[in-house]
């Protein structure tokens, strides 16, 4: 019971962070008016938050080996509370952004902590079930966020989003302090790889800023293409350092494992589609379908609830039968959903959007926990922290990149067709965003089939 409560405490702290993150997506039209900022600026509440979460997660392979779990949890809970209070009283957009960035540090620590507790304490034969339940925390929050944020914004204010979660943070903090007592999972020798952390942050930030230039100036702008060149250059330098440097944020040698790479691609892509669509759909509903923030949030509620049930069921099936069936089902349903949005963009209604989103949520929850569970079985115990840090880091960056790219696709459409109405541009931009995630869905399906054909006979059990 203590282990279960410890996992639950870390999970709920992650849940709060992700819930607030996706709750803010529904408030964007309101924030644009109240705080006098553009769409390309306000989306940094999500993109910047997820970027910092990603950077923090890149350090957790070191942190989990160096510090006791309770100390990490206390630090994370404190930052979540401080950031929430600052965002609640923020007089302008930039103070609000600072508050959200402080909370990003908390989420960046609590999510890997949750999975580390699972991988360290849960018996091997129950790993899929617990990972499925953890995936519910990660996936239910983004789906409930628009509903939670939409209702509070419509009947009260966007600030009520933070009023609602501050008591939860305090309660979860007391539970975590009482139940989490795991020691550092290993002795970390040497100093922290500051150069590697800074280099990784530069790479991730440069990619996001590059797409941001397309949103502000169009895909054909010189600023966008200069950004592309610089991003490729920074990426090359980082890869050289990761390969040759003595100190490393994590053991990148685990990426030499081909099946782990494929599971990481599944995990990354599913989250990119998931978070990206949780940004596009509320915006589409409010701008094109003329829904209120509450209606836009409620539109996504059935999918979140049904999807939440799917995660543990898929995890149990994985424990008994392996990864291929749940991953294949996941990729097919995700592709059906994204293609449904693409082909029906101009005829979408609230009801049809809700139904297609349900299909997507079932697909997402069927494969998300399975991908990280099967990935964890590809590495030895000494590399569990590295694998956990890598997957957690890329999962968050997938959300940041998904929000950034899909918002840029819509913003670029507005920039390049300024003579058209906002409704038409948002609809056309969303249509292209749906095409982008559909192409990614096809690649996910191909990767699952390839993995089974090439490595189906291998099931590493370290």
Protein backbone atom coordinates (compact mmCIF):
# COMPACT_ATOMS: atom_id res chain seq x y z
CA UNK A 1 0.00 0.00 0.00
CA UNK A 2 2.84 2.38 0.79
CA UNK A 3 4.35 1.77 -2.65
CA UNK A 4 0.97 2.33 -4.31
CA UNK A 5 0.46 5.60 -2.42
CA UNK A 6 3.99 6.72 -3.28
CA UNK A 7 3.39 6.09 -6.98
CA UNK A 8 -0.01 7.80 -6.71
CA UNK A 9 1.51 10.88 -5.07
CA UNK A 10 4.14 11.35 -7.77
CA UNK A 11 1.51 10.58 -10.41
CA UNK A 12 -0.98 13.14 -9.08
CA UNK A 13 1.71 15.82 -9.01
CA UNK A 14 2.36 15.05 -12.68
CA UNK A 15 -1.38 15.00 -13.31
CA UNK A 16 -1.80 18.51 -11.91
CA UNK A 17 1.02 19.85 -14.05
CA UNK A 18 -0.32 18.34 -17.25
CA UNK A 19 -3.93 19.22 -16.39
CA UNK A 20 -3.10 22.90 -16.04
CA UNK A 21 -0.98 22.82 -19.19
CA UNK A 22 -3.84 21.59 -21.39
CA UNK A 23 -6.43 23.64 -19.50
CA UNK A 24 -4.64 26.74 -20.71
CA UNK A 25 -5.16 25.72 -24.36
CA UNK A 26 -8.88 26.46 -24.07
CA UNK A 27 -8.18 29.87 -22.54
CA UNK A 28 -6.04 31.08 -25.45
CA UNK A 29 -8.82 33.05 -27.21
CA UNK A 30 -9.65 34.68 -23.86
CA UNK A 31 -6.01 35.39 -23.00
CA UNK A 32 -5.41 36.91 -26.45
CA UNK A 33 -8.14 39.47 -25.71
CA UNK A 34 -7.45 40.08 -22.02
CA UNK A 35 -3.64 40.15 -22.12
CA UNK A 36 -3.36 41.66 -25.63
CA UNK A 37 -1.06 39.06 -27.18
CA UNK A 38 -1.11 37.16 -30.49
CA UNK A 39 -1.73 33.43 -31.05
CA UNK A 40 1.95 32.85 -31.87
CA UNK A 41 2.86 34.48 -28.53
CA UNK A 42 0.21 32.93 -26.29
CA UNK A 43 1.01 29.40 -27.50
CA UNK A 44 4.33 29.70 -25.68
CA UNK A 45 2.39 29.08 -22.47
CA UNK A 46 2.23 25.50 -23.70
CA UNK A 47 5.32 25.32 -25.91
CA UNK A 48 7.62 27.03 -23.40
CA UNK A 49 6.23 24.98 -20.53
CA UNK A 50 6.78 21.69 -22.34
CA UNK A 51 10.21 22.78 -23.55
CA UNK A 52 11.40 23.43 -20.01
CA UNK A 53 9.83 20.16 -18.83
CA UNK A 54 11.84 18.44 -21.55
CA UNK A 55 15.09 20.09 -20.49
CA UNK A 56 14.51 19.23 -16.82
CA UNK A 57 13.72 15.63 -17.76
CA UNK A 58 17.01 15.42 -19.64
CA UNK A 59 18.74 15.77 -16.25
CA UNK A 60 16.74 13.14 -14.38
CA UNK A 61 19.00 10.20 -15.23
CA UNK A 62 21.64 12.01 -13.14
CA UNK A 63 19.21 13.38 -10.54
CA UNK A 64 17.54 10.02 -9.80
CA UNK A 65 20.95 8.43 -9.19
CA UNK A 66 22.21 11.31 -7.07
CA UNK A 67 19.28 12.30 -4.82
CA UNK A 68 16.76 10.41 -2.70
CA UNK A 69 13.24 10.18 -4.12
CA UNK A 70 11.65 12.02 -1.17
CA UNK A 71 13.92 15.05 -1.61
CA UNK A 72 13.13 15.16 -5.32
CA UNK A 73 9.41 15.00 -4.57
CA UNK A 74 9.55 17.78 -1.95
CA UNK A 75 11.44 20.01 -4.36
CA UNK A 76 8.95 19.32 -7.16
CA UNK A 77 5.87 19.85 -4.99
CA UNK A 78 7.26 23.15 -3.66
CA UNK A 79 7.91 24.48 -7.16
CA UNK A 80 4.47 23.37 -8.33
CA UNK A 81 2.86 25.33 -5.48
CA UNK A 82 5.01 28.46 -5.94
CA UNK A 83 4.43 28.53 -9.69
CA UNK A 84 0.69 28.04 -9.27
CA UNK A 85 0.39 30.95 -6.85
CA UNK A 86 2.45 33.22 -9.12
CA UNK A 87 0.32 32.32 -12.16
CA UNK A 88 -2.86 32.90 -10.16
CA UNK A 89 -1.98 36.52 -9.32
CA UNK A 90 -0.14 37.29 -12.60
CA UNK A 91 -0.94 40.87 -13.76
CA UNK A 92 0.30 40.27 -17.32
CA UNK A 93 1.26 37.56 -19.79
CA UNK A 94 4.96 37.47 -18.92
CA UNK A 95 4.42 36.92 -15.18
CA UNK A 96 1.92 34.21 -16.08
CA UNK A 97 4.57 32.59 -18.29
CA UNK A 98 7.15 32.71 -15.48
CA UNK A 99 4.70 30.99 -13.13
CA UNK A 100 4.06 28.27 -15.68
CA UNK A 101 7.80 27.77 -16.24
CA UNK A 102 8.34 27.30 -12.51
CA UNK A 103 5.62 24.65 -12.55
CA UNK A 104 7.35 23.05 -15.54
CA UNK A 105 10.33 22.25 -13.31
CA UNK A 106 7.99 20.37 -10.99
CA UNK A 107 6.41 18.31 -13.76
CA UNK A 108 9.81 17.61 -15.28
CA UNK A 109 10.85 15.90 -12.04
CA UNK A 110 7.60 14.26 -10.93
CA UNK A 111 6.83 12.32 -14.12
CA UNK A 112 10.17 10.43 -14.30
CA UNK A 113 9.94 9.93 -10.52
CA UNK A 114 6.60 8.18 -10.98
CA UNK A 115 7.99 5.79 -13.60
CA UNK A 116 11.17 5.20 -11.58
CA UNK A 117 9.05 4.10 -8.62
CA UNK A 118 7.12 1.76 -10.91
CA UNK A 119 10.18 0.22 -12.57
CA UNK A 120 11.99 -0.17 -9.23
CA UNK A 121 9.16 -1.48 -7.05
CA UNK A 122 6.53 -3.17 -9.23
CA UNK A 123 6.93 -6.91 -9.99
CA UNK A 124 7.83 -7.69 -13.60
CA UNK A 125 4.58 -9.58 -14.22
CA UNK A 126 2.52 -6.51 -13.28
CA UNK A 127 4.64 -3.95 -15.10
CA UNK A 128 2.17 -3.50 -17.97
CA UNK A 129 -0.79 -2.86 -15.67
CA UNK A 130 1.02 -0.25 -13.60
CA UNK A 131 2.52 1.42 -16.66
CA UNK A 132 -0.97 1.46 -18.16
CA UNK A 133 -2.28 3.17 -15.05
CA UNK A 134 0.59 5.65 -15.22
CA UNK A 135 -0.26 6.33 -18.85
CA UNK A 136 -3.78 7.16 -17.67
CA UNK A 137 -2.29 9.90 -15.49
CA UNK A 138 -0.33 11.28 -18.43
CA UNK A 139 -3.08 10.89 -21.01
CA UNK A 140 -6.21 11.61 -18.93
CA UNK A 141 -4.90 14.98 -17.79
CA UNK A 142 -4.48 16.37 -21.34
CA UNK A 143 -7.97 15.21 -22.22
CA UNK A 144 -9.63 16.48 -19.03
CA UNK A 145 -7.70 19.74 -19.18
CA UNK A 146 -9.80 21.41 -21.89
CA UNK A 147 -13.01 20.43 -20.05
CA UNK A 148 -11.72 21.67 -16.71
CA UNK A 149 -10.33 24.88 -18.17
CA UNK A 150 -13.32 25.49 -20.41
CA UNK A 151 -15.87 25.22 -17.62
CA UNK A 152 -13.97 27.44 -15.19
CA UNK A 153 -13.14 30.03 -17.84
CA UNK A 154 -16.77 30.23 -18.98
CA UNK A 155 -18.39 30.50 -15.54
CA UNK A 156 -15.63 32.36 -13.70
CA UNK A 157 -12.11 33.18 -14.94
CA UNK A 158 -8.99 31.50 -16.29
CA UNK A 159 -7.41 32.22 -12.90
CA UNK A 160 -9.81 29.72 -11.35
CA UNK A 161 -7.77 26.97 -13.03
CA UNK A 162 -5.00 27.61 -10.52
CA UNK A 163 -7.37 28.12 -7.58
CA UNK A 164 -8.71 24.61 -8.17
CA UNK A 165 -5.33 22.83 -8.20
CA UNK A 166 -3.47 24.58 -5.37
CA UNK A 167 -5.30 22.61 -2.61
CA UNK A 168 -4.61 19.38 -4.52
CA UNK A 169 -0.89 20.17 -4.65
CA UNK A 170 -0.83 20.71 -0.87
CA UNK A 171 -2.69 17.44 -0.12
CA UNK A 172 -0.58 15.44 -2.57
CA UNK A 173 2.53 16.95 -1.01
CA UNK A 174 1.64 15.61 2.43
CA UNK A 175 0.89 12.13 1.02
CA UNK A 176 4.16 12.02 -0.90
CA UNK A 177 6.28 13.10 2.05
CA UNK A 178 4.67 10.35 4.15
CA UNK A 179 5.04 7.49 1.67
CA UNK A 180 8.04 8.12 -0.60
CA UNK A 181 11.23 6.92 1.10
CA UNK A 182 13.27 5.29 -1.70
CA UNK A 183 16.95 6.06 -1.66
CA UNK A 184 18.91 7.20 -4.70
CA UNK A 185 18.87 4.32 -7.20
CA UNK A 186 22.65 4.39 -7.70
CA UNK A 187 25.85 6.19 -6.84
CA UNK A 188 26.41 8.91 -9.42
CA UNK A 189 30.10 9.54 -9.88
CA UNK A 190 31.54 12.67 -11.43
CA UNK A 191 30.02 16.10 -11.94
CA UNK A 192 26.87 16.96 -13.80
CA UNK A 193 27.14 17.37 -17.57
CA UNK A 194 26.32 21.07 -17.78
CA UNK A 195 27.63 21.38 -21.34
CA UNK A 196 25.43 18.51 -22.51
CA UNK A 197 22.34 20.00 -20.81
CA UNK A 198 22.95 23.44 -22.33
CA UNK A 199 23.65 21.97 -25.78
CA UNK A 200 20.46 19.90 -25.67
CA UNK A 201 18.45 22.94 -24.57
CA UNK A 202 19.88 24.96 -27.47
CA UNK A 203 18.94 22.24 -29.96
CA UNK A 204 15.38 21.87 -28.67
CA UNK A 205 14.85 25.63 -28.43
CA UNK A 206 16.27 26.37 -31.87
CA UNK A 207 13.91 23.88 -33.51
CA UNK A 208 10.88 25.44 -31.83
CA UNK A 209 11.99 29.00 -32.61
CA UNK A 210 12.57 27.99 -36.22
CA UNK A 211 8.98 26.85 -36.62
CA UNK A 212 7.88 29.97 -34.77
CA UNK A 213 9.41 32.08 -37.57
CA UNK A 214 7.21 30.26 -40.06
CA UNK A 215 4.18 31.11 -37.95
CA UNK A 216 5.12 34.79 -37.84
CA UNK A 217 6.48 35.30 -41.37
CA UNK A 218 5.39 32.29 -43.46
CA UNK A 219 7.08 29.11 -44.69
CA UNK A 220 8.97 30.93 -47.45
CA UNK A 221 10.53 33.57 -45.19
CA UNK A 222 14.31 33.86 -45.02
CA UNK A 223 14.13 33.80 -41.21
CA UNK A 224 12.56 30.35 -41.26
CA UNK A 225 15.21 28.88 -43.54
CA UNK A 226 18.06 30.48 -41.59
CA UNK A 227 16.54 28.83 -38.54
CA UNK A 228 16.50 25.47 -40.33
CA UNK A 229 20.20 25.76 -41.16
CA UNK A 230 21.13 26.79 -37.61
CA UNK A 231 19.02 24.00 -36.07
CA UNK A 232 20.71 21.38 -38.23
CA UNK A 233 24.11 22.83 -37.29
CA UNK A 234 23.32 22.81 -33.56
CA UNK A 235 21.98 19.26 -33.82
CA UNK A 236 25.16 18.09 -35.53
CA UNK A 237 27.34 19.67 -32.85
CA UNK A 238 25.27 18.07 -30.11
CA UNK A 239 25.43 14.62 -31.71
CA UNK A 240 29.20 14.96 -32.02
CA UNK A 241 29.47 15.94 -28.36
CA UNK A 242 27.13 13.12 -27.26
CA UNK A 243 29.26 10.63 -29.16
CA UNK A 244 32.70 11.91 -28.16
CA UNK A 245 32.18 13.70 -24.85
CA UNK A 246 33.34 12.13 -21.60
CA UNK A 247 30.36 13.21 -19.52
CA UNK A 248 26.82 12.53 -20.64
CA UNK A 249 23.35 13.46 -19.40
CA UNK A 250 22.39 9.83 -19.93
CA UNK A 251 23.88 6.72 -21.46
CA UNK A 252 23.12 7.30 -25.14
CA UNK A 253 24.41 3.83 -25.95
CA UNK A 254 20.95 2.45 -25.20
CA UNK A 255 19.86 4.02 -28.50
CA UNK A 256 21.94 1.38 -30.27
CA UNK A 257 19.18 -1.08 -29.33
CA UNK A 258 16.96 -1.15 -32.46
CA UNK A 259 13.73 -2.25 -30.78
CA UNK A 260 14.12 0.43 -28.11
CA UNK A 261 14.48 3.06 -30.87
CA UNK A 262 11.27 1.87 -32.49
CA UNK A 263 9.35 1.91 -29.20
CA UNK A 264 10.69 5.41 -28.52
CA UNK A 265 9.42 6.52 -31.93
CA UNK A 266 5.98 5.08 -31.13
CA UNK A 267 5.95 6.79 -27.74
CA UNK A 268 7.11 10.14 -29.13
CA UNK A 269 4.72 10.14 -32.08
CA UNK A 270 1.64 9.15 -30.10
CA UNK A 271 2.27 11.98 -27.65
CA UNK A 272 2.94 14.50 -30.42
CA UNK A 273 -0.41 13.68 -32.01
CA UNK A 274 -2.15 13.60 -28.63
CA UNK A 275 -0.98 16.99 -27.34
CA UNK A 276 -1.06 18.62 -30.77
CA UNK A 277 -4.70 17.66 -31.26
CA UNK A 278 -5.59 18.82 -27.74
CA UNK A 279 -4.39 22.26 -28.91
CA UNK A 280 -6.01 22.28 -32.36
CA UNK A 281 -9.45 20.90 -31.53
CA UNK A 282 -10.48 23.47 -28.84
CA UNK A 283 -9.22 26.28 -31.09
CA UNK A 284 -11.14 24.82 -34.05
CA UNK A 285 -14.29 24.40 -31.97
CA UNK A 286 -14.27 27.97 -30.66
CA UNK A 287 -13.22 29.70 -33.90
CA UNK A 288 -14.87 27.61 -36.63
CA UNK A 289 -17.77 25.92 -34.84
CA UNK A 290 -18.43 29.01 -32.66
CA UNK A 291 -18.47 27.02 -29.42
CA UNK A 292 -17.88 28.51 -26.00
CA UNK A 293 -14.82 27.50 -23.99
CA UNK A 294 -17.06 25.23 -21.91
CA UNK A 295 -18.53 23.52 -24.97
CA UNK A 296 -15.07 23.05 -26.49
CA UNK A 297 -13.89 21.40 -23.29
CA UNK A 298 -16.94 19.16 -22.88
CA UNK A 299 -16.56 18.06 -26.49
CA UNK A 300 -13.35 16.28 -25.52
CA UNK A 301 -14.60 14.76 -22.26
CA UNK A 302 -16.10 11.46 -23.57
CA UNK A 303 -12.86 10.56 -25.30
CA UNK A 304 -10.84 11.24 -22.17
CA UNK A 305 -13.04 9.08 -19.96
CA UNK A 306 -13.26 6.15 -22.38
CA UNK A 307 -9.54 6.39 -23.10
CA UNK A 308 -8.76 6.29 -19.37
CA UNK A 309 -10.45 2.89 -19.09
CA UNK A 310 -8.44 1.58 -22.03
CA UNK A 311 -4.93 2.09 -20.59
CA UNK A 312 -4.93 -0.53 -17.79
CA UNK A 313 -6.82 -3.02 -19.98
CA UNK A 314 -4.22 -2.67 -22.72
CA UNK A 315 -1.47 -2.98 -20.10
CA UNK A 316 -2.90 -6.25 -18.79
CA UNK A 317 -3.18 -7.58 -22.35
CA UNK A 318 0.46 -6.61 -22.95
CA UNK A 319 1.57 -8.49 -19.82
CA UNK A 320 -0.12 -11.63 -21.13
CA UNK A 321 0.39 -11.48 -24.91
CA UNK A 322 3.18 -9.02 -25.73
CA UNK A 323 3.41 -5.63 -27.43
CA UNK A 324 2.41 -6.23 -31.05
CA UNK A 325 -1.37 -6.50 -30.75
CA UNK A 326 -1.93 -3.41 -28.55
CA UNK A 327 0.54 -1.34 -30.60
CA UNK A 328 -1.04 -2.41 -33.89
CA UNK A 329 -4.53 -1.63 -32.58
CA UNK A 330 -3.29 1.72 -31.28
CA UNK A 331 -1.67 2.79 -34.56
CA UNK A 332 -4.70 1.77 -36.65
CA UNK A 333 -7.17 3.66 -34.44
CA UNK A 334 -4.95 6.74 -34.30
CA UNK A 335 -4.66 6.73 -38.09
CA UNK A 336 -8.42 6.29 -38.51
CA UNK A 337 -8.97 9.25 -36.21
CA UNK A 338 -6.49 11.61 -37.84
CA UNK A 339 -7.68 10.73 -41.34
CA UNK A 340 -11.26 11.23 -40.17
CA UNK A 341 -10.47 14.77 -39.10
CA UNK A 342 -8.58 15.41 -42.33
CA UNK A 343 -11.29 14.23 -44.74
CA UNK A 344 -14.17 15.74 -42.73
CA UNK A 345 -12.62 19.09 -41.83
CA UNK A 346 -15.19 21.23 -43.64
CA UNK A 347 -18.17 19.19 -42.43
CA UNK A 348 -17.14 18.66 -38.82
CA UNK A 349 -19.74 19.25 -36.12
CA UNK A 350 -19.46 19.05 -32.36
CA UNK A 351 -20.90 15.51 -32.39
CA UNK A 352 -18.68 14.17 -35.18
CA UNK A 353 -15.59 15.76 -33.60
CA UNK A 354 -16.47 14.15 -30.28
CA UNK A 355 -16.91 10.71 -31.88
CA UNK A 356 -13.66 10.84 -33.88
CA UNK A 357 -11.80 12.02 -30.80
CA UNK A 358 -13.10 9.02 -28.84
CA UNK A 359 -11.57 6.74 -31.48
CA UNK A 360 -8.25 8.58 -31.19
CA UNK A 361 -8.23 8.42 -27.39
CA UNK A 362 -8.81 4.67 -27.39
CA UNK A 363 -5.96 4.30 -29.86
CA UNK A 364 -3.65 6.53 -27.88
CA UNK A 365 -4.20 4.83 -24.52
CA UNK A 366 -3.89 1.37 -26.06
CA UNK A 367 -0.35 2.03 -27.26
CA UNK A 368 1.16 4.72 -25.05
CA UNK A 369 1.82 2.69 -21.89
CA UNK A 370 2.71 -0.38 -23.94
CA UNK A 371 5.48 1.48 -25.78
CA UNK A 372 7.32 2.60 -22.65
CA UNK A 373 6.76 -0.76 -20.89
CA UNK A 374 8.25 -2.70 -23.78
CA UNK A 375 11.04 -0.15 -24.09
CA UNK A 376 11.98 -0.69 -20.42
CA UNK A 377 12.44 -4.41 -21.04
CA UNK A 378 15.13 -3.76 -23.64
CA UNK A 379 17.67 -2.40 -21.13
CA UNK A 380 19.41 -3.80 -18.05
CA UNK A 381 18.56 -2.58 -14.56
CA UNK A 382 21.55 -0.22 -14.41
CA UNK A 383 20.19 1.62 -17.49
CA UNK A 384 16.57 1.87 -16.29
CA UNK A 385 17.06 5.49 -15.21
CA UNK A 386 18.62 6.35 -18.58
CA UNK A 387 15.75 4.72 -20.48
CA UNK A 388 13.16 6.39 -18.24
CA UNK A 389 14.80 9.79 -18.59
CA UNK A 390 15.05 9.42 -22.37
CA UNK A 391 11.43 8.39 -22.83
CA UNK A 392 10.09 11.00 -20.40
CA UNK A 393 12.18 13.73 -22.01
CA UNK A 394 11.10 12.88 -25.55
CA UNK A 395 7.48 12.47 -24.51
CA UNK A 396 7.41 16.04 -23.23
CA UNK A 397 9.29 17.42 -26.20
CA UNK A 398 6.80 15.66 -28.44
CA UNK A 399 4.03 17.65 -26.78
CA UNK A 400 5.99 20.88 -27.10
CA UNK A 401 6.83 20.22 -30.74
CA UNK A 402 3.28 19.11 -31.54
CA UNK A 403 1.77 22.26 -30.08
CA UNK A 404 4.37 24.47 -31.72
CA UNK A 405 4.23 22.94 -35.20
CA UNK A 406 0.46 22.65 -35.43
CA UNK A 407 -0.05 26.19 -34.12
CA UNK A 408 2.51 27.39 -36.65
CA UNK A 409 0.67 25.60 -39.46
CA UNK A 410 -2.47 27.54 -38.53
CA UNK A 411 -0.64 30.83 -37.90
CA UNK A 412 1.26 30.57 -41.19
CA UNK A 413 -2.02 30.10 -43.03
CA UNK A 414 -3.31 33.32 -41.44
CA UNK A 415 -0.10 35.18 -42.36
CA UNK A 416 -0.03 33.94 -45.96
CA UNK A 417 -3.75 34.60 -46.55
CA UNK A 418 -4.36 37.75 -44.54
CA UNK A 419 -7.17 38.78 -46.91
CA UNK A 420 -9.35 35.87 -45.77
CA UNK A 421 -11.46 35.71 -42.63
CA UNK A 422 -10.13 34.21 -39.40
CA UNK A 423 -12.71 31.42 -39.60
CA UNK A 424 -11.64 30.36 -43.11
CA UNK A 425 -7.94 30.55 -42.26
CA UNK A 426 -8.38 28.57 -39.05
CA UNK A 427 -10.35 25.89 -40.89
CA UNK A 428 -7.78 25.64 -43.70
CA UNK A 429 -4.88 25.69 -41.25
CA UNK A 430 -6.51 22.96 -39.17
CA UNK A 431 -7.01 20.93 -42.34
CA UNK A 432 -3.25 21.04 -42.98
CA UNK A 433 -2.56 20.23 -39.33
CA UNK A 434 -4.77 17.15 -39.62
CA UNK A 435 -2.82 16.13 -42.73
CA UNK A 436 0.47 16.44 -40.84
CA UNK A 437 -0.63 14.19 -37.97
CA UNK A 438 -2.14 11.71 -40.46
CA UNK A 439 1.23 11.32 -42.18
CA UNK A 440 2.84 10.76 -38.79
CA UNK A 441 0.13 8.18 -38.01
CA UNK A 442 1.05 6.26 -41.18
CA UNK A 443 4.70 6.21 -40.11
CA UNK A 444 3.74 4.89 -36.67
CA UNK A 445 1.74 2.04 -38.22
CA UNK A 446 4.65 1.16 -40.52
CA UNK A 447 7.10 1.15 -37.59
CA UNK A 448 4.93 -1.23 -35.57
CA UNK A 449 4.63 -3.69 -38.47
CA UNK A 450 8.36 -3.44 -39.22
CA UNK A 451 9.26 -4.06 -35.56
CA UNK A 452 7.15 -7.22 -35.48
CA UNK A 453 8.53 -8.54 -38.76
CA UNK A 454 12.15 -7.79 -37.83
CA UNK A 455 12.26 -8.35 -34.07
CA UNK A 456 9.02 -10.14 -33.19
CA UNK A 457 10.90 -13.21 -32.06
CA UNK A 458 12.94 -11.13 -29.58
CA UNK A 459 11.50 -10.20 -26.21
CA UNK A 460 14.33 -9.08 -24.00
CA UNK A 461 13.59 -9.56 -20.31
CA UNK A 462 16.26 -7.86 -18.26
